[in-house]
Protein backbone atom coordinates (compact mmCIF):
# COMPACT_ATOMS: atom_id res chain seq x y z
CA MET A 1 -147.85 89.29 -64.31
CA PRO A 2 -150.72 86.83 -64.95
CA LYS A 3 -150.82 85.31 -68.40
CA THR A 4 -153.85 86.04 -70.54
CA SER A 5 -155.75 83.37 -72.42
CA SER A 6 -156.91 83.60 -76.00
CA TYR A 7 -159.73 81.14 -75.35
CA THR A 8 -163.16 82.23 -74.18
CA PRO A 9 -165.46 79.29 -73.40
CA PRO A 10 -168.79 79.38 -75.23
CA LYS A 11 -172.04 79.40 -73.29
CA VAL A 12 -172.72 75.82 -74.43
CA TRP A 13 -169.84 73.52 -75.34
CA GLN A 14 -170.06 71.59 -78.60
CA ASN A 15 -167.77 68.92 -79.98
CA ILE A 16 -166.64 70.94 -82.99
CA ASN A 17 -162.85 70.99 -82.83
CA LYS A 18 -160.74 67.86 -82.61
CA ASN A 19 -158.66 68.16 -79.47
CA GLY A 20 -155.59 66.42 -80.87
CA GLY A 21 -153.21 64.34 -78.82
CA LYS A 22 -152.37 60.65 -78.92
CA TRP A 23 -155.78 59.37 -77.82
CA ALA A 24 -158.01 61.92 -79.58
CA ASN A 25 -159.55 59.29 -81.87
CA ILE A 26 -161.14 57.38 -78.97
CA ASN A 27 -162.57 60.36 -77.11
CA ARG A 28 -166.18 61.42 -77.64
CA PRO A 29 -168.91 63.07 -75.56
CA THR A 30 -171.43 60.23 -75.86
CA ALA A 31 -171.70 56.68 -74.54
CA GLY A 32 -172.84 53.45 -76.16
CA ALA A 33 -171.71 51.14 -78.92
CA THR A 34 -170.44 52.45 -82.24
CA HIS A 35 -170.45 49.10 -84.03
CA GLU A 36 -171.64 45.53 -83.69
CA LYS A 37 -169.04 43.10 -82.40
CA GLU A 38 -169.56 40.17 -80.09
CA LEU A 39 -166.92 39.28 -77.53
CA PRO A 40 -165.03 35.99 -77.80
CA VAL A 41 -165.55 33.44 -75.03
CA GLY A 42 -162.94 31.02 -73.75
CA LYS A 43 -163.04 27.84 -71.68
CA HIS A 44 -162.46 29.12 -68.14
CA PRO A 45 -164.89 30.35 -65.46
CA LEU A 46 -163.53 33.91 -65.63
CA GLN A 47 -163.48 35.88 -68.86
CA LEU A 48 -161.37 39.03 -68.81
CA TYR A 49 -161.35 41.64 -71.56
CA SER A 50 -158.46 44.00 -71.05
CA LEU A 51 -155.14 45.58 -71.95
CA ALA A 52 -151.93 45.81 -69.90
CA THR A 53 -152.46 49.37 -68.75
CA PRO A 54 -152.17 50.05 -65.01
CA ASN A 55 -155.88 49.37 -64.57
CA GLY A 56 -155.68 46.16 -66.57
CA VAL A 57 -152.56 44.94 -64.80
CA LYS A 58 -154.26 45.22 -61.40
CA VAL A 59 -156.67 42.43 -62.32
CA THR A 60 -154.22 40.06 -63.99
CA ILE A 61 -151.83 40.37 -61.04
CA LEU A 62 -154.61 39.42 -58.62
CA LEU A 63 -155.71 36.51 -60.80
CA GLU A 64 -152.15 35.20 -60.97
CA GLU A 65 -151.81 35.60 -57.19
CA LEU A 66 -155.01 33.58 -56.68
CA LEU A 67 -153.81 30.84 -59.01
CA ALA A 68 -150.47 30.75 -57.17
CA LEU A 69 -152.44 30.00 -53.98
CA GLY A 70 -154.14 27.05 -55.68
CA HIS A 71 -157.56 28.54 -56.46
CA LYS A 72 -158.56 26.63 -59.58
CA GLY A 73 -161.73 28.68 -59.85
CA ALA A 74 -159.54 31.67 -60.65
CA GLU A 75 -158.54 30.22 -64.01
CA TYR A 76 -159.20 32.80 -66.66
CA ASP A 77 -159.15 33.69 -70.32
CA ALA A 78 -157.72 37.14 -70.97
CA PHE A 79 -158.77 38.58 -74.31
CA LEU A 80 -157.01 41.63 -75.70
CA ILE A 81 -159.06 44.79 -76.19
CA LYS A 82 -157.25 47.18 -78.54
CA ILE A 83 -158.44 50.54 -77.28
CA SER A 84 -156.54 52.39 -80.02
CA ASP A 85 -158.76 50.55 -82.51
CA SER A 86 -161.91 51.47 -80.54
CA GLU A 87 -162.69 47.85 -79.69
CA GLN A 88 -164.09 49.01 -76.35
CA PHE A 89 -167.00 50.55 -78.26
CA GLY A 90 -168.13 47.24 -79.76
CA SER A 91 -171.62 46.09 -78.80
CA GLY A 92 -170.39 43.06 -76.87
CA PHE A 93 -167.97 45.04 -74.75
CA VAL A 94 -170.49 47.81 -74.08
CA ALA A 95 -172.97 45.19 -72.88
CA LEU A 96 -170.36 44.09 -70.35
CA ASN A 97 -169.22 47.60 -69.45
CA PRO A 98 -171.49 50.51 -70.43
CA ASN A 99 -168.62 52.87 -69.57
CA SER A 100 -166.45 51.42 -72.40
CA LYS A 101 -163.27 51.22 -70.32
CA ILE A 102 -160.99 48.26 -69.71
CA PRO A 103 -160.87 45.99 -67.78
CA ALA A 104 -164.21 44.17 -67.80
CA LEU A 105 -164.86 40.77 -66.27
CA LEU A 106 -167.52 38.11 -66.82
CA ASP A 107 -167.80 35.40 -64.15
CA ARG A 108 -169.45 32.39 -65.78
CA SER A 109 -169.34 30.30 -62.61
CA THR A 110 -172.55 32.02 -61.45
CA SER A 111 -175.99 31.55 -63.00
CA PRO A 112 -176.64 33.85 -64.69
CA GLY A 113 -173.12 35.10 -65.32
CA THR A 114 -171.92 38.08 -63.31
CA ARG A 115 -170.47 41.11 -65.05
CA VAL A 116 -168.05 43.34 -63.16
CA PHE A 117 -166.58 46.57 -64.48
CA GLU A 118 -164.20 49.15 -62.99
CA SER A 119 -160.87 47.76 -61.86
CA GLY A 120 -161.44 48.46 -58.17
CA ALA A 121 -164.80 46.67 -58.27
CA ILE A 122 -163.17 43.68 -59.96
CA LEU A 123 -160.45 43.51 -57.30
CA LEU A 124 -163.06 43.61 -54.53
CA TYR A 125 -165.25 41.03 -56.25
CA LEU A 126 -162.42 38.55 -56.69
CA ALA A 127 -160.95 39.12 -53.22
CA GLU A 128 -164.33 38.52 -51.61
CA LYS A 129 -165.16 35.58 -53.88
CA PHE A 130 -161.97 33.72 -52.98
CA GLY A 131 -161.41 35.12 -49.49
CA GLU A 132 -157.88 36.28 -50.23
CA PHE A 133 -155.86 39.50 -50.16
CA ILE A 134 -158.43 41.29 -48.03
CA PRO A 135 -158.54 41.46 -44.21
CA ASP A 136 -161.16 39.64 -42.18
CA GLU A 137 -161.26 42.02 -39.21
CA GLN A 138 -163.62 44.97 -39.72
CA SER A 139 -161.22 47.82 -38.90
CA ALA A 140 -158.43 46.29 -40.97
CA ARG A 141 -160.82 45.78 -43.87
CA ALA A 142 -161.89 49.43 -43.63
CA GLU A 143 -158.23 50.46 -43.86
CA CYS A 144 -157.80 48.31 -46.95
CA TYR A 145 -160.94 49.78 -48.53
CA SER A 146 -159.71 53.28 -47.74
CA TRP A 147 -156.39 52.79 -49.55
CA LEU A 148 -158.05 50.99 -52.44
CA PHE A 149 -160.48 53.84 -53.01
CA TRP A 150 -157.74 56.40 -52.41
CA GLN A 151 -156.02 54.90 -55.44
CA MET A 152 -159.20 54.84 -57.50
CA GLY A 153 -159.88 58.49 -56.75
CA SER A 154 -156.28 59.70 -57.04
CA ALA A 155 -154.93 57.96 -60.14
CA PRO A 156 -157.06 59.92 -62.64
CA TYR A 157 -155.09 63.02 -61.63
CA LEU A 158 -151.88 61.13 -62.31
CA GLY A 159 -152.89 59.50 -65.62
CA GLY A 160 -155.65 61.63 -67.11
CA GLY A 161 -154.20 64.80 -65.63
CA PHE A 162 -150.43 64.76 -65.40
CA GLY A 163 -149.80 61.95 -67.89
CA HIS A 164 -152.06 63.48 -70.52
CA PHE A 165 -150.68 67.01 -70.41
CA TYR A 166 -147.04 65.98 -69.91
CA ALA A 167 -146.83 63.13 -72.42
CA TYR A 168 -149.85 63.01 -74.74
CA ALA A 169 -151.26 66.49 -75.33
CA PRO A 170 -150.51 68.00 -78.77
CA GLU A 171 -148.69 70.93 -77.11
CA LYS A 172 -146.96 71.54 -73.79
CA PHE A 173 -148.98 73.88 -71.60
CA GLU A 174 -147.34 75.18 -68.43
CA TYR A 175 -150.42 75.63 -66.27
CA PRO A 176 -151.90 72.09 -66.46
CA ILE A 177 -148.45 70.45 -66.28
CA ASP A 178 -147.58 72.44 -63.16
CA ARG A 179 -151.00 71.85 -61.63
CA TYR A 180 -150.96 68.08 -62.13
CA ALA A 181 -147.25 67.65 -61.38
CA MET A 182 -147.93 69.23 -57.99
CA GLU A 183 -150.79 66.80 -57.38
CA ALA A 184 -148.79 63.78 -58.58
CA LYS A 185 -145.97 64.65 -56.19
CA ARG A 186 -148.43 65.21 -53.35
CA GLN A 187 -149.86 61.74 -53.94
CA LEU A 188 -146.38 60.21 -53.98
CA ASP A 189 -145.69 61.94 -50.68
CA VAL A 190 -148.91 60.56 -49.18
CA LEU A 191 -147.72 57.08 -50.07
CA ASP A 192 -144.15 57.72 -48.98
CA GLN A 193 -145.14 58.97 -45.55
CA ASN A 194 -147.49 56.04 -45.00
CA LEU A 195 -144.89 53.50 -46.16
CA SER A 196 -142.18 55.02 -43.97
CA ALA A 197 -143.80 53.20 -41.05
CA ARG A 198 -145.40 50.24 -42.83
CA ARG A 199 -144.16 47.40 -45.00
CA TYR A 200 -147.34 47.54 -47.10
CA LEU A 201 -150.08 50.14 -47.35
CA CYS A 202 -152.16 48.65 -44.53
CA GLY A 203 -149.36 47.24 -42.37
CA ASP A 204 -147.56 43.91 -42.51
CA ASN A 205 -149.83 42.19 -45.02
CA TYR A 206 -150.12 42.47 -48.80
CA TYR A 207 -153.66 43.23 -49.94
CA ILE A 208 -155.60 44.33 -53.01
CA ALA A 209 -154.93 47.95 -52.03
CA ASP A 210 -151.22 47.30 -52.65
CA ILE A 211 -151.92 45.67 -55.99
CA ALA A 212 -154.04 48.62 -57.11
CA ALA A 213 -151.57 51.29 -56.02
CA TYR A 214 -148.52 49.39 -57.28
CA ALA A 215 -149.98 49.24 -60.79
CA TRP A 216 -149.94 53.04 -60.99
CA TYR A 217 -147.38 54.38 -58.53
CA GLY A 218 -144.99 51.44 -58.58
CA ASN A 219 -144.89 51.70 -62.34
CA LEU A 220 -144.22 55.42 -62.05
CA VAL A 221 -141.24 55.13 -59.70
CA LEU A 222 -139.70 51.94 -61.14
CA ASN A 223 -140.49 52.06 -64.86
CA ASN A 224 -140.44 55.78 -65.73
CA SER A 225 -144.10 56.14 -66.71
CA TYR A 226 -144.69 59.03 -69.11
CA ASN A 227 -140.88 59.48 -69.33
CA ALA A 228 -141.31 61.67 -66.24
CA ALA A 229 -139.13 60.05 -63.57
CA GLU A 230 -136.55 62.83 -63.58
CA PHE A 231 -139.16 65.58 -63.89
CA LEU A 232 -141.05 64.31 -60.84
CA ASP A 233 -137.86 63.37 -58.97
CA VAL A 234 -139.30 59.95 -58.17
CA VAL A 235 -136.05 58.73 -56.59
CA SER A 236 -136.76 60.98 -53.63
CA TYR A 237 -139.72 58.79 -52.65
CA ARG A 238 -137.52 56.02 -51.32
CA HIS A 239 -140.20 54.27 -49.23
CA VAL A 240 -142.47 54.02 -52.28
CA ALA A 241 -139.55 52.59 -54.28
CA ARG A 242 -138.77 50.00 -51.60
CA TRP A 243 -142.42 48.92 -51.40
CA ALA A 244 -142.79 48.79 -55.19
CA MET A 245 -139.62 46.73 -55.67
CA GLU A 246 -140.76 44.18 -53.10
CA ILE A 247 -144.09 43.80 -54.88
CA GLU A 248 -142.55 43.63 -58.33
CA ARG A 249 -140.34 40.70 -57.28
CA ARG A 250 -143.37 38.52 -56.54
CA PRO A 251 -143.66 35.76 -59.20
CA ALA A 252 -147.40 36.34 -59.66
CA VAL A 253 -146.79 40.06 -60.22
CA GLU A 254 -144.16 39.30 -62.82
CA ARG A 255 -146.66 37.03 -64.60
CA GLY A 256 -149.61 39.37 -64.29
CA ARG A 257 -147.69 42.32 -65.73
CA ARG A 258 -147.21 40.43 -69.00
CA VAL A 259 -150.82 39.52 -69.71
CA ASN A 260 -152.48 41.50 -72.52
CA LYS A 261 -149.21 43.29 -73.17
CA THR A 262 -148.50 44.02 -76.81
CA TRP A 263 -145.78 46.67 -76.88
CA ARG A 264 -142.10 45.84 -77.13
CA PRO A 265 -139.23 47.47 -75.19
CA GLU A 266 -138.23 49.46 -78.26
CA ASP A 267 -141.73 50.96 -78.42
CA ARG A 268 -141.12 52.73 -75.10
CA PRO A 269 -137.36 53.28 -74.87
CA TRP A 270 -137.70 55.55 -71.84
CA GLU A 271 -139.06 52.72 -69.67
CA ARG A 272 -136.83 50.30 -67.82
CA ARG A 273 -135.99 47.58 -70.30
CA ASP A 274 -138.26 44.58 -69.82
CA GLU A 275 -137.28 41.42 -71.67
CA LEU A 276 -140.04 39.31 -70.15
CA LYS A 277 -142.20 37.32 -72.51
CA ARG A 278 -145.31 39.21 -73.56
CA ALA A 279 -148.69 37.44 -73.68
CA PRO A 280 -151.17 39.50 -75.74
CA GLU A 281 -153.78 36.93 -74.72
CA ARG A 282 -153.76 34.39 -71.91
CA HIS A 283 -155.81 31.17 -72.01
CA ASP A 284 -153.53 28.78 -70.15
CA ALA A 285 -150.69 29.01 -67.63
CA SER A 286 -148.31 27.87 -70.36
CA ASP A 287 -148.92 31.15 -72.21
CA LEU A 288 -146.70 32.79 -69.60
CA ASP A 289 -144.09 30.02 -69.25
């Protein structure tokens, strides 16, 4: 028998009731700055304003990979943006990213400086700027773009959908958890089937599409994101796990995962214990040594 709902949507929605949940204090139906606050500026060509969420980690991994290849122009300052304190709504950050989401990048090596927001756009910008981690041949590049934008379009269902209702909502609701668990598992199966015949998402080479997808799906299968590994039976996606473990062993990935990270292992006891040095901000390579 279908379940009835006690909620009848009004003709016009208004932001009257607080929705609760862990991140309720940073959600609002309007854009723009809520307070005046300029962004700090460091000494390097690239200025990153971020947090070590999956979207933030994508960019710091790529920057560390570029530095490992000897690209001195990829030196960067990584400033911490505390989203729980609404720092993303400061006037300086909003000027860099009108969408008020991390990460945001300012490239000061151009005149005038170039702002880039949205993690996928930042990955593309840096890959094209330095000519790395992106294929040269047109068809191969299209495949890389396809997997990159697959991740950008799919991950909101994993994080904002499944992660929110399973881990952060004020109550457990069966319908949205079932709906988004089904979609999360479908996405894992898409990856698993592709990786059953390929070393990386696009074939034999490691590209920005792998970095982007690893940050979300690698973290899910290896580090128990949302304390949901058992619930989603992530061990059954063995090709995803193999791919993610290979990526996670890369020295630049290990370094990039620690940038703008503030939480300690005891803050998230359900995750795989990580004793690596945290770097809430990064202004020099020695901050990660």
